[in-house]
Amino acid sequence: MSAPISRHISGCRACKADGFTLVELLFVVAIIGLLAAIAVPGLMRGRMAGNEASAIASMRAITNAQAAYASTCGGGGYANSLADLALEPTAGGNPFIPADLGAADPLGTPKSGYVFTITGGGSSVMLAVNTCNGATDDSVTQFFAQGDPFDPGNTGARFFAADESGQMRQDTAQLADMLAGIPLK
């Protein structure tokens, strides 16, 4: 005669439901994936907008630094490069721009996803050896500063430019001169 199966053993599975089923777990993972797919593009747009705002502030810092350099160090002329603005005056004091901005040239480290260049123009105003910070280039009568995204489309979508007039311009492509793009408001 066979032994009766204990009611306790045979009903164990039905009365004890530990954990989640595979379908429930897959459903939760799908919802998390959907939420991430919705949120990531918005976060990237926000990051690019933040980088662009930082680039605008950096361009303003460059134009203000050029004005300070011209009035105190360059004999009325502007610096030819970011490196010259990043040098401390030999008599002491702070450089005209912070070190992170001075290093943000195309061969250096981007600052908030942007790289910056300064191109001097016009005629020489003061020899480099006579400037207050021992600049590598003579001070000049004009400058053209550019702020370009390091990785266009990912770190920023707009390109910026400024010159000795203090006006800033923007465009979706690199600005060749102050006639390109539209004024930044």
C-alpha atoms as a PDB file:
ATOM      1  CA  MET A   1       0.000   0.000   0.000  1.00  0.00           C
ATOM      2  CA  SER A   2       1.320   3.377  -0.799  1.00  0.00           C
ATOM      3  CA  ALA A   3       1.813   5.948   1.863  1.00  0.00           C
ATOM      4  CA  PRO A   4      -0.474   8.963   1.684  1.00  0.00           C
ATOM      5  CA  ILE A   5       1.270  12.207   0.669  1.00  0.00           C
ATOM      6  CA  SER A   6       1.231  14.693   3.406  1.00  0.00           C
ATOM      7  CA  ARG A   7      -1.075  17.604   2.778  1.00  0.00           C
ATOM      8  CA  HIS A   8       1.573  19.923   4.147  1.00  0.00           C
ATOM      9  CA  ILE A   9       4.177  18.896   1.562  1.00  0.00           C
ATOM     10  CA  SER A  10       1.890  18.858  -1.498  1.00  0.00           C
ATOM     11  CA  GLY A  11       0.302  22.262  -0.752  1.00  0.00           C
ATOM     12  CA  CYS A  12       3.606  24.020  -0.011  1.00  0.00           C
ATOM     13  CA  ARG A  13       3.991  25.538  -3.467  1.00  0.00           C
ATOM     14  CA  ALA A  14       0.514  26.911  -3.614  1.00  0.00           C
ATOM     15  CA  CYS A  15       0.590  28.612  -0.244  1.00  0.00           C
ATOM     16  CA  LYS A  16       4.142  29.981  -0.365  1.00  0.00           C
ATOM     17  CA  ALA A  17       4.867  32.688  -3.029  1.00  0.00           C
ATOM     18  CA  ASP A  18       8.396  34.030  -2.501  1.00  0.00           C
ATOM     19  CA  GLY A  19       9.903  36.658  -4.876  1.00  0.00           C
ATOM     20  CA  PHE A  20       8.824  37.959  -8.265  1.00  0.00           C
ATOM     21  CA  THR A  21       8.181  36.080 -11.452  1.00  0.00           C
ATOM     22  CA  LEU A  22      10.403  36.563 -14.478  1.00  0.00           C
ATOM     23  CA  VAL A  23       7.626  38.374 -16.332  1.00  0.00           C
ATOM     24  CA  GLU A  24       7.222  40.887 -13.489  1.00  0.00           C
ATOM     25  CA  LEU A  25      10.964  41.580 -13.429  1.00  0.00           C
ATOM     26  CA  LEU A  26      11.091  42.042 -17.205  1.00  0.00           C
ATOM     27  CA  PHE A  27       8.155  44.436 -17.001  1.00  0.00           C
ATOM     28  CA  VAL A  28       9.962  46.589 -14.402  1.00  0.00           C
ATOM     29  CA  VAL A  29      13.186  46.607 -16.452  1.00  0.00           C
ATOM     30  CA  ALA A  30      11.223  47.680 -19.551  1.00  0.00           C
ATOM     31  CA  ILE A  31       9.627  50.580 -17.654  1.00  0.00           C
ATOM     32  CA  ILE A  32      13.032  51.737 -16.358  1.00  0.00           C
ATOM     33  CA  GLY A  33      14.449  51.548 -19.905  1.00  0.00           C
ATOM     34  CA  LEU A  34      11.549  53.579 -21.264  1.00  0.00           C
ATOM     35  CA  LEU A  35      11.984  56.281 -18.611  1.00  0.00           C
ATOM     36  CA  ALA A  36      15.729  56.456 -19.318  1.00  0.00           C
ATOM     37  CA  ALA A  37      15.092  56.796 -23.058  1.00  0.00           C
ATOM     38  CA  ILE A  38      12.776  59.724 -22.377  1.00  0.00           C
ATOM     39  CA  ALA A  39      15.063  61.469 -19.864  1.00  0.00           C
ATOM     40  CA  VAL A  40      18.533  61.187 -21.460  1.00  0.00           C
ATOM     41  CA  PRO A  41      17.966  63.504 -24.469  1.00  0.00           C
ATOM     42  CA  GLY A  42      16.590  66.191 -22.158  1.00  0.00           C
ATOM     43  CA  LEU A  43      19.599  65.870 -19.891  1.00  0.00           C
ATOM     44  CA  MET A  44      21.964  66.151 -22.870  1.00  0.00           C
ATOM     45  CA  ARG A  45      20.193  69.309 -24.098  1.00  0.00           C
ATOM     46  CA  GLY A  46      20.475  70.754 -20.607  1.00  0.00           C
ATOM     47  CA  ARG A  47      24.174  69.924 -20.474  1.00  0.00           C
ATOM     48  CA  MET A  48      24.769  71.576 -23.869  1.00  0.00           C
ATOM     49  CA  ALA A  49      22.867  74.687 -22.745  1.00  0.00           C
ATOM     50  CA  GLY A  50      25.026  74.829 -19.617  1.00  0.00           C
ATOM     51  CA  ASN A  51      28.204  74.486 -21.695  1.00  0.00           C
ATOM     52  CA  GLU A  52      27.047  77.277 -24.015  1.00  0.00           C
ATOM     53  CA  ALA A  53      26.261  79.573 -21.074  1.00  0.00           C
ATOM     54  CA  SER A  54      29.741  78.884 -19.694  1.00  0.00           C
ATOM     55  CA  ALA A  55      31.264  79.653 -23.120  1.00  0.00           C
ATOM     56  CA  ILE A  56      29.442  82.993 -23.265  1.00  0.00           C
ATOM     57  CA  ALA A  57      30.760  83.855 -19.794  1.00  0.00           C
ATOM     58  CA  SER A  58      34.269  82.825 -20.864  1.00  0.00           C
ATOM     59  CA  MET A  59      34.052  85.022 -23.966  1.00  0.00           C
ATOM     60  CA  ARG A  60      33.015  87.957 -21.771  1.00  0.00           C
ATOM     61  CA  ALA A  61      35.927  87.185 -19.446  1.00  0.00           C
ATOM     62  CA  ILE A  62      38.290  87.247 -22.442  1.00  0.00           C
ATOM     63  CA  THR A  63      37.020  90.616 -23.707  1.00  0.00           C
ATOM     64  CA  ASN A  64      37.208  92.099 -20.180  1.00  0.00           C
ATOM     65  CA  ALA A  65      40.709  90.665 -19.738  1.00  0.00           C
ATOM     66  CA  GLN A  66      41.782  92.167 -23.060  1.00  0.00           C
ATOM     67  CA  ALA A  67      40.529  95.589 -21.941  1.00  0.00           C
ATOM     68  CA  ALA A  68      42.404  95.260 -18.640  1.00  0.00           C
ATOM     69  CA  TYR A  69      45.549  94.045 -20.431  1.00  0.00           C
ATOM     70  CA  ALA A  70      45.434  96.959 -22.871  1.00  0.00           C
ATOM     71  CA  SER A  71      45.028  99.547 -20.116  1.00  0.00           C
ATOM     72  CA  THR A  72      47.566  98.147 -17.648  1.00  0.00           C
ATOM     73  CA  CYS A  73      50.062  95.921 -19.397  1.00  0.00           C
ATOM     74  CA  GLY A  74      50.065  96.195 -23.177  1.00  0.00           C
ATOM     75  CA  GLY A  75      50.560  99.926 -23.620  1.00  0.00           C
ATOM     76  CA  GLY A  76      47.108 100.292 -25.145  1.00  0.00           C
ATOM     77  CA  GLY A  77      47.437  97.106 -27.239  1.00  0.00           C
ATOM     78  CA  TYR A  78      45.749  93.740 -26.875  1.00  0.00           C
ATOM     79  CA  ALA A  79      47.240  90.330 -26.155  1.00  0.00           C
ATOM     80  CA  ASN A  80      47.862  88.032 -29.110  1.00  0.00           C
ATOM     81  CA  SER A  81      46.970  84.772 -27.347  1.00  0.00           C
ATOM     82  CA  LEU A  82      45.256  83.165 -24.379  1.00  0.00           C
ATOM     83  CA  ALA A  83      48.687  82.212 -23.092  1.00  0.00           C
ATOM     84  CA  ASP A  84      49.692  85.888 -22.874  1.00  0.00           C
ATOM     85  CA  LEU A  85      46.523  86.727 -20.926  1.00  0.00           C
ATOM     86  CA  ALA A  86      47.182  83.806 -18.555  1.00  0.00           C
ATOM     87  CA  LEU A  87      50.638  85.110 -17.553  1.00  0.00           C
ATOM     88  CA  GLU A  88      51.024  86.852 -14.199  1.00  0.00           C
ATOM     89  CA  PRO A  89      52.455  90.376 -14.261  1.00  0.00           C
ATOM     90  CA  THR A  90      56.146  90.307 -13.357  1.00  0.00           C
ATOM     91  CA  ALA A  91      55.580  92.863 -10.584  1.00  0.00           C
ATOM     92  CA  GLY A  92      53.052  90.507  -8.967  1.00  0.00           C
ATOM     93  CA  GLY A  93      49.319  90.100  -9.073  1.00  0.00           C
ATOM     94  CA  ASN A  94      46.845  87.794 -10.713  1.00  0.00           C
ATOM     95  CA  PRO A  95      46.821  86.814 -14.382  1.00  0.00           C
ATOM     96  CA  PHE A  96      44.205  88.476 -16.572  1.00  0.00           C
ATOM     97  CA  ILE A  97      42.288  85.205 -17.079  1.00  0.00           C
ATOM     98  CA  PRO A  98      42.031  82.098 -14.860  1.00  0.00           C
ATOM     99  CA  ALA A  99      44.327  79.138 -15.557  1.00  0.00           C
ATOM    100  CA  ASP A 100      41.507  76.859 -16.790  1.00  0.00           C
ATOM    101  CA  LEU A 101      40.540  79.419 -19.441  1.00  0.00           C
ATOM    102  CA  GLY A 102      44.179  79.963 -20.390  1.00  0.00           C
ATOM    103  CA  ALA A 103      44.573  76.216 -20.960  1.00  0.00           C
ATOM    104  CA  ALA A 104      41.391  75.926 -23.067  1.00  0.00           C
ATOM    105  CA  ASP A 105      43.086  76.441 -26.410  1.00  0.00           C
ATOM    106  CA  PRO A 106      42.505  73.901 -29.221  1.00  0.00           C
ATOM    107  CA  LEU A 107      45.565  71.869 -28.169  1.00  0.00           C
ATOM    108  CA  GLY A 108      44.772  72.107 -24.449  1.00  0.00           C
ATOM    109  CA  THR A 109      41.963  71.091 -22.134  1.00  0.00           C
ATOM    110  CA  PRO A 110      38.459  72.249 -23.087  1.00  0.00           C
ATOM    111  CA  LYS A 111      36.627  74.420 -20.556  1.00  0.00           C
ATOM    112  CA  SER A 112      33.050  73.165 -20.172  1.00  0.00           C
ATOM    113  CA  GLY A 113      33.208  71.554 -23.606  1.00  0.00           C
ATOM    114  CA  TYR A 114      34.574  74.603 -25.450  1.00  0.00           C
ATOM    115  CA  VAL A 115      37.991  75.648 -26.762  1.00  0.00           C
ATOM    116  CA  PHE A 116      39.046  79.268 -27.226  1.00  0.00           C
ATOM    117  CA  THR A 117      41.506  81.077 -29.491  1.00  0.00           C
ATOM    118  CA  ILE A 118      42.668  84.657 -29.821  1.00  0.00           C
ATOM    119  CA  THR A 119      44.086  86.012 -33.058  1.00  0.00           C
ATOM    120  CA  GLY A 120      45.848  89.359 -32.925  1.00  0.00           C
ATOM    121  CA  GLY A 121      45.640  91.807 -35.786  1.00  0.00           C
ATOM    122  CA  GLY A 122      46.450  95.318 -36.844  1.00  0.00           C
ATOM    123  CA  SER A 123      49.781  96.856 -36.003  1.00  0.00           C
ATOM    124  CA  SER A 124      52.157  96.286 -33.121  1.00  0.00           C
ATOM    125  CA  VAL A 125      51.684  98.640 -30.170  1.00  0.00           C
ATOM    126  CA  MET A 126      54.286  97.436 -27.676  1.00  0.00           C
ATOM    127  CA  LEU A 127      57.125  94.957 -27.956  1.00  0.00           C
ATOM    128  CA  ALA A 128      56.582  91.740 -25.998  1.00  0.00           C
ATOM    129  CA  VAL A 129      59.641  92.352 -23.794  1.00  0.00           C
ATOM    130  CA  ASN A 130      58.170  95.679 -22.639  1.00  0.00           C
ATOM    131  CA  THR A 131      54.788  94.296 -21.523  1.00  0.00           C
ATOM    132  CA  CYS A 132      54.216  93.972 -17.789  1.00  0.00           C
ATOM    133  CA  ASN A 133      53.940  90.180 -17.906  1.00  0.00           C
ATOM    134  CA  GLY A 134      56.686  89.234 -20.364  1.00  0.00           C
ATOM    135  CA  ALA A 135      54.251  88.184 -23.088  1.00  0.00           C
ATOM    136  CA  THR A 136      55.524  86.015 -25.916  1.00  0.00           C
ATOM    137  CA  ASP A 137      54.039  88.286 -28.608  1.00  0.00           C
ATOM    138  CA  ASP A 138      53.844  92.043 -29.090  1.00  0.00           C
ATOM    139  CA  SER A 139      50.602  93.754 -28.084  1.00  0.00           C
ATOM    140  CA  VAL A 140      48.477  94.723 -31.088  1.00  0.00           C
ATOM    141  CA  THR A 141      45.682  97.125 -32.044  1.00  0.00           C
ATOM    142  CA  GLN A 142      43.039  94.440 -32.742  1.00  0.00           C
ATOM    143  CA  PHE A 143      42.030  90.972 -31.599  1.00  0.00           C
ATOM    144  CA  PHE A 144      39.512  88.340 -32.634  1.00  0.00           C
ATOM    145  CA  ALA A 145      38.480  85.742 -30.027  1.00  0.00           C
ATOM    146  CA  GLN A 146      36.647  82.536 -30.872  1.00  0.00           C
ATOM    147  CA  GLY A 147      34.839  80.035 -28.668  1.00  0.00           C
ATOM    148  CA  ASP A 148      34.121  76.770 -30.462  1.00  0.00           C
ATOM    149  CA  PRO A 149      32.562  73.548 -29.142  1.00  0.00           C
ATOM    150  CA  PHE A 150      35.192  70.839 -28.672  1.00  0.00           C
ATOM    151  CA  ASP A 151      32.754  68.261 -30.066  1.00  0.00           C
ATOM    152  CA  PRO A 152      30.080  70.133 -32.077  1.00  0.00           C
ATOM    153  CA  GLY A 153      26.627  68.709 -31.507  1.00  0.00           C
ATOM    154  CA  ASN A 154      27.622  67.021 -28.247  1.00  0.00           C
ATOM    155  CA  THR A 155      29.343  69.648 -26.088  1.00  0.00           C
ATOM    156  CA  GLY A 156      27.640  72.610 -27.749  1.00  0.00           C
ATOM    157  CA  ALA A 157      25.772  73.638 -30.883  1.00  0.00           C
ATOM    158  CA  ARG A 158      26.694  77.327 -31.096  1.00  0.00           C
ATOM    159  CA  PHE A 159      30.003  78.972 -32.004  1.00  0.00           C
ATOM    160  CA  PHE A 160      30.922  82.357 -30.505  1.00  0.00           C
ATOM    161  CA  ALA A 161      33.220  85.252 -31.433  1.00  0.00           C
ATOM    162  CA  ALA A 162      34.171  88.659 -30.027  1.00  0.00           C
ATOM    163  CA  ASP A 163      36.589  91.444 -30.870  1.00  0.00           C
ATOM    164  CA  GLU A 164      38.000  94.671 -29.436  1.00  0.00           C
ATOM    165  CA  SER A 165      34.632  96.423 -29.871  1.00  0.00           C
ATOM    166  CA  GLY A 166      33.219  94.175 -27.133  1.00  0.00           C
ATOM    167  CA  GLN A 167      30.449  92.886 -29.384  1.00  0.00           C
ATOM    168  CA  MET A 168      29.805  89.142 -29.341  1.00  0.00           C
ATOM    169  CA  ARG A 169      28.388  87.093 -32.199  1.00  0.00           C
ATOM    170  CA  GLN A 170      27.044  83.561 -32.507  1.00  0.00           C
ATOM    171  CA  ASP A 171      26.360  81.051 -35.260  1.00  0.00           C
ATOM    172  CA  THR A 172      25.881  77.323 -35.831  1.00  0.00           C
ATOM    173  CA  ALA A 173      29.188  77.194 -37.747  1.00  0.00           C
ATOM    174  CA  GLN A 174      32.606  78.571 -36.901  1.00  0.00           C
ATOM    175  CA  LEU A 175      32.762  82.362 -37.265  1.00  0.00           C
ATOM    176  CA  ALA A 176      35.522  83.582 -39.574  1.00  0.00           C
ATOM    177  CA  ASP A 177      35.152  87.265 -38.644  1.00  0.00           C
ATOM    178  CA  MET A 178      32.820  89.716 -36.912  1.00  0.00           C
ATOM    179  CA  LEU A 179      30.658  90.037 -40.027  1.00  0.00           C
ATOM    180  CA  ALA A 180      29.564  86.396 -39.754  1.00  0.00           C
ATOM    181  CA  GLY A 181      26.777  85.138 -37.524  1.00  0.00           C
ATOM    182  CA  ILE A 182      24.277  87.192 -35.575  1.00  0.00           C
ATOM    183  CA  PRO A 183      24.828  89.443 -32.559  1.00  0.00           C
ATOM    184  CA  LEU A 184      24.469  87.740 -29.211  1.00  0.00           C
ATOM    185  CA  LYS A 185      21.734  89.369 -27.166  1.00  0.00           C
END
